[in-house]
Amino acid sequence: MATDIGSSAPTHAILHIGSEVSAMDKRSFQNETAFQMAMYLARRMLAEKLITSKEYRDFEQEMLRRYQPFSGDLYT
């Protein structure tokens, strides 16, 4: 039984040449983190029926406005 032998040298899986991706600055990271935590808690409150769906949507819109998270484009 033959086995292929490949290189074990570490290589980049994705080339970033011409990529629009950049490292997130500290402020963006903090905004993203705050947004994600706030929405996690809001989802829990919604699941436990502590808030209504309308209150959740209104809150989400306010958090999107306040934090302007990177992931916000995924939610809207």
N, C-alpha and C. Protein backbone atom coordinates (compact mmCIF):
# COMPACT_ATOMS: atom_id res chain seq x y z
N MET A 1 0.85 -1.16 0.00
CA MET A 1 0.00 0.00 0.00
C MET A 1 0.90 1.23 0.00
N ALA A 2 0.69 2.11 -0.97
CA ALA A 2 1.51 3.32 -1.08
C ALA A 2 0.79 4.50 -0.44
N THR A 3 1.56 5.36 0.17
CA THR A 3 0.99 6.59 0.73
C THR A 3 1.71 7.78 0.13
N ASP A 4 0.95 8.85 -0.07
CA ASP A 4 1.54 10.08 -0.59
C ASP A 4 2.24 10.82 0.54
N ILE A 5 3.38 11.35 0.23
CA ILE A 5 4.11 12.15 1.20
C ILE A 5 4.08 13.59 0.71
N GLY A 6 3.53 14.46 1.54
CA GLY A 6 3.43 15.87 1.19
C GLY A 6 4.33 16.70 2.10
N SER A 7 4.38 17.94 1.81
CA SER A 7 5.18 18.86 2.61
C SER A 7 4.49 19.12 3.94
N SER A 8 5.27 19.16 5.00
CA SER A 8 4.71 19.48 6.30
C SER A 8 5.01 20.93 6.68
N ALA A 9 5.55 21.69 5.73
CA ALA A 9 5.86 23.10 6.00
C ALA A 9 4.57 23.89 6.15
N PRO A 10 4.50 24.76 7.17
CA PRO A 10 3.28 25.56 7.34
C PRO A 10 3.09 26.52 6.18
N THR A 11 1.88 26.58 5.70
CA THR A 11 1.56 27.49 4.59
C THR A 11 0.27 28.23 4.91
N HIS A 12 0.09 29.38 4.30
CA HIS A 12 -1.14 30.14 4.48
C HIS A 12 -2.24 29.50 3.65
N ALA A 13 -3.40 29.32 4.27
CA ALA A 13 -4.53 28.74 3.57
C ALA A 13 -5.19 29.75 2.64
N ILE A 14 -5.09 31.01 2.99
CA ILE A 14 -5.71 32.06 2.20
C ILE A 14 -4.67 33.15 1.93
N LEU A 15 -4.56 33.55 0.70
CA LEU A 15 -3.67 34.65 0.37
C LEU A 15 -4.44 35.95 0.50
N HIS A 16 -3.84 36.94 1.13
CA HIS A 16 -4.52 38.21 1.35
C HIS A 16 -4.10 39.27 0.34
N ILE A 17 -3.54 38.86 -0.77
CA ILE A 17 -3.13 39.81 -1.79
C ILE A 17 -4.37 40.46 -2.39
N GLY A 18 -4.43 41.77 -2.31
CA GLY A 18 -5.57 42.49 -2.87
C GLY A 18 -6.84 42.33 -2.06
N SER A 19 -6.73 41.76 -0.88
CA SER A 19 -7.91 41.52 -0.05
C SER A 19 -8.34 42.81 0.64
N GLU A 20 -9.64 42.94 0.85
CA GLU A 20 -10.21 44.09 1.55
C GLU A 20 -10.21 43.86 3.06
N VAL A 21 -9.76 42.70 3.51
CA VAL A 21 -9.78 42.35 4.93
C VAL A 21 -8.62 43.01 5.64
N SER A 22 -8.91 43.62 6.78
CA SER A 22 -7.86 44.22 7.58
C SER A 22 -8.09 43.88 9.04
N ALA A 23 -7.08 44.08 9.83
CA ALA A 23 -7.19 43.79 11.26
C ALA A 23 -8.16 44.79 11.90
N MET A 24 -8.89 44.32 12.88
CA MET A 24 -9.85 45.17 13.57
C MET A 24 -9.11 46.00 14.62
N ASP A 25 -9.37 47.30 14.65
CA ASP A 25 -8.72 48.13 15.66
C ASP A 25 -9.39 47.92 17.02
N LYS A 26 -8.77 48.45 18.06
CA LYS A 26 -9.25 48.21 19.42
C LYS A 26 -10.68 48.69 19.62
N ARG A 27 -10.99 49.88 19.12
CA ARG A 27 -12.33 50.45 19.29
C ARG A 27 -13.38 49.60 18.58
N SER A 28 -13.08 49.17 17.36
CA SER A 28 -14.01 48.31 16.61
C SER A 28 -14.25 47.00 17.34
N PHE A 29 -13.17 46.45 17.91
CA PHE A 29 -13.29 45.20 18.66
C PHE A 29 -14.18 45.40 19.88
N GLN A 30 -13.98 46.50 20.61
CA GLN A 30 -14.80 46.79 21.78
C GLN A 30 -16.27 46.97 21.39
N ASN A 31 -16.53 47.69 20.30
CA ASN A 31 -17.90 47.87 19.84
C ASN A 31 -18.53 46.55 19.44
N GLU A 32 -17.79 45.73 18.74
CA GLU A 32 -18.29 44.42 18.32
C GLU A 32 -18.62 43.56 19.53
N THR A 33 -17.73 43.54 20.49
CA THR A 33 -17.92 42.74 21.70
C THR A 33 -19.14 43.22 22.49
N ALA A 34 -19.25 44.53 22.68
CA ALA A 34 -20.39 45.08 23.42
C ALA A 34 -21.70 44.77 22.71
N PHE A 35 -21.71 44.91 21.39
CA PHE A 35 -22.91 44.61 20.62
C PHE A 35 -23.31 43.14 20.76
N GLN A 36 -22.34 42.25 20.60
CA GLN A 36 -22.63 40.81 20.69
C GLN A 36 -23.15 40.42 22.07
N MET A 37 -22.55 40.98 23.12
CA MET A 37 -23.00 40.67 24.48
C MET A 37 -24.42 41.20 24.73
N ALA A 38 -24.67 42.44 24.30
CA ALA A 38 -25.99 43.02 24.49
C ALA A 38 -27.05 42.20 23.77
N MET A 39 -26.75 41.78 22.55
CA MET A 39 -27.73 41.01 21.78
C MET A 39 -27.90 39.61 22.34
N TYR A 40 -26.85 39.03 22.86
CA TYR A 40 -26.97 37.71 23.51
C TYR A 40 -27.95 37.80 24.68
N LEU A 41 -27.76 38.83 25.51
CA LEU A 41 -28.64 39.00 26.66
C LEU A 41 -30.08 39.29 26.22
N ALA A 42 -30.24 40.09 25.19
CA ALA A 42 -31.58 40.40 24.68
C ALA A 42 -32.26 39.13 24.14
N ARG A 43 -31.50 38.28 23.45
CA ARG A 43 -32.07 37.02 22.93
C ARG A 43 -32.51 36.12 24.08
N ARG A 44 -31.72 36.09 25.15
CA ARG A 44 -32.10 35.30 26.33
C ARG A 44 -33.39 35.84 26.95
N MET A 45 -33.47 37.17 27.06
CA MET A 45 -34.66 37.79 27.62
C MET A 45 -35.89 37.50 26.75
N LEU A 46 -35.71 37.54 25.44
CA LEU A 46 -36.79 37.23 24.52
C LEU A 46 -37.23 35.77 24.68
N ALA A 47 -36.27 34.87 24.77
CA ALA A 47 -36.57 33.44 24.92
C ALA A 47 -37.32 33.16 26.22
N GLU A 48 -37.00 33.93 27.26
CA GLU A 48 -37.66 33.75 28.55
C GLU A 48 -38.93 34.60 28.68
N LYS A 49 -39.30 35.23 27.57
CA LYS A 49 -40.52 36.05 27.48
C LYS A 49 -40.50 37.21 28.48
N LEU A 50 -39.31 37.75 28.72
CA LEU A 50 -39.19 38.93 29.58
C LEU A 50 -39.38 40.21 28.77
N ILE A 51 -39.19 40.11 27.44
CA ILE A 51 -39.43 41.22 26.53
C ILE A 51 -40.21 40.69 25.33
N THR A 52 -40.87 41.59 24.63
CA THR A 52 -41.65 41.20 23.44
C THR A 52 -40.74 41.23 22.20
N SER A 53 -41.24 40.69 21.13
CA SER A 53 -40.50 40.71 19.86
C SER A 53 -40.27 42.14 19.39
N LYS A 54 -41.26 43.00 19.58
CA LYS A 54 -41.11 44.39 19.18
C LYS A 54 -40.03 45.07 20.02
N GLU A 55 -40.03 44.82 21.32
CA GLU A 55 -39.00 45.40 22.19
C GLU A 55 -37.62 44.91 21.77
N TYR A 56 -37.52 43.64 21.40
CA TYR A 56 -36.25 43.09 20.94
C TYR A 56 -35.79 43.79 19.66
N ARG A 57 -36.68 43.93 18.68
CA ARG A 57 -36.31 44.58 17.42
C ARG A 57 -35.91 46.04 17.64
N ASP A 58 -36.66 46.74 18.49
CA ASP A 58 -36.31 48.13 18.79
C ASP A 58 -34.94 48.22 19.46
N PHE A 59 -34.69 47.31 20.38
CA PHE A 59 -33.40 47.28 21.08
C PHE A 59 -32.26 46.97 20.10
N GLU A 60 -32.50 46.02 19.22
CA GLU A 60 -31.49 45.66 18.23
C GLU A 60 -31.13 46.87 17.35
N GLN A 61 -32.15 47.61 16.91
CA GLN A 61 -31.90 48.79 16.09
C GLN A 61 -31.09 49.83 16.86
N GLU A 62 -31.39 50.02 18.13
CA GLU A 62 -30.64 50.97 18.95
C GLU A 62 -29.18 50.51 19.13
N MET A 63 -28.98 49.23 19.34
CA MET A 63 -27.61 48.72 19.51
C MET A 63 -26.82 48.82 18.21
N LEU A 64 -27.48 48.59 17.07
CA LEU A 64 -26.82 48.75 15.77
C LEU A 64 -26.40 50.20 15.57
N ARG A 65 -27.28 51.13 15.95
CA ARG A 65 -26.98 52.55 15.82
C ARG A 65 -25.84 52.95 16.77
N ARG A 66 -25.91 52.49 18.00
CA ARG A 66 -24.95 52.90 19.00
C ARG A 66 -23.55 52.33 18.76
N TYR A 67 -23.46 51.03 18.47
CA TYR A 67 -22.16 50.38 18.38
C TYR A 67 -21.61 50.25 16.96
N GLN A 68 -22.47 50.33 15.96
CA GLN A 68 -22.06 50.18 14.56
C GLN A 68 -21.08 49.00 14.40
N PRO A 69 -21.53 47.81 14.78
CA PRO A 69 -20.63 46.65 14.77
C PRO A 69 -20.30 46.18 13.36
N PHE A 70 -19.17 45.54 13.24
CA PHE A 70 -18.76 44.93 11.96
C PHE A 70 -19.83 43.94 11.52
N SER A 71 -20.32 43.14 12.45
CA SER A 71 -21.31 42.13 12.11
C SER A 71 -22.70 42.71 11.88
N GLY A 72 -22.89 44.00 12.13
CA GLY A 72 -24.20 44.62 11.97
C GLY A 72 -24.76 44.45 10.58
N ASP A 73 -23.89 44.46 9.57
CA ASP A 73 -24.35 44.27 8.19
C ASP A 73 -24.96 42.89 8.01
N LEU A 74 -24.55 41.94 8.83
CA LEU A 74 -25.09 40.58 8.73
C LEU A 74 -26.49 40.49 9.30
N TYR A 75 -26.79 41.38 10.23
CA TYR A 75 -28.09 41.35 10.90
C TYR A 75 -29.17 42.12 10.18
N THR A 76 -28.77 43.14 9.42
CA THR A 76 -29.78 44.02 8.81
C THR A 76 -30.09 43.61 7.39
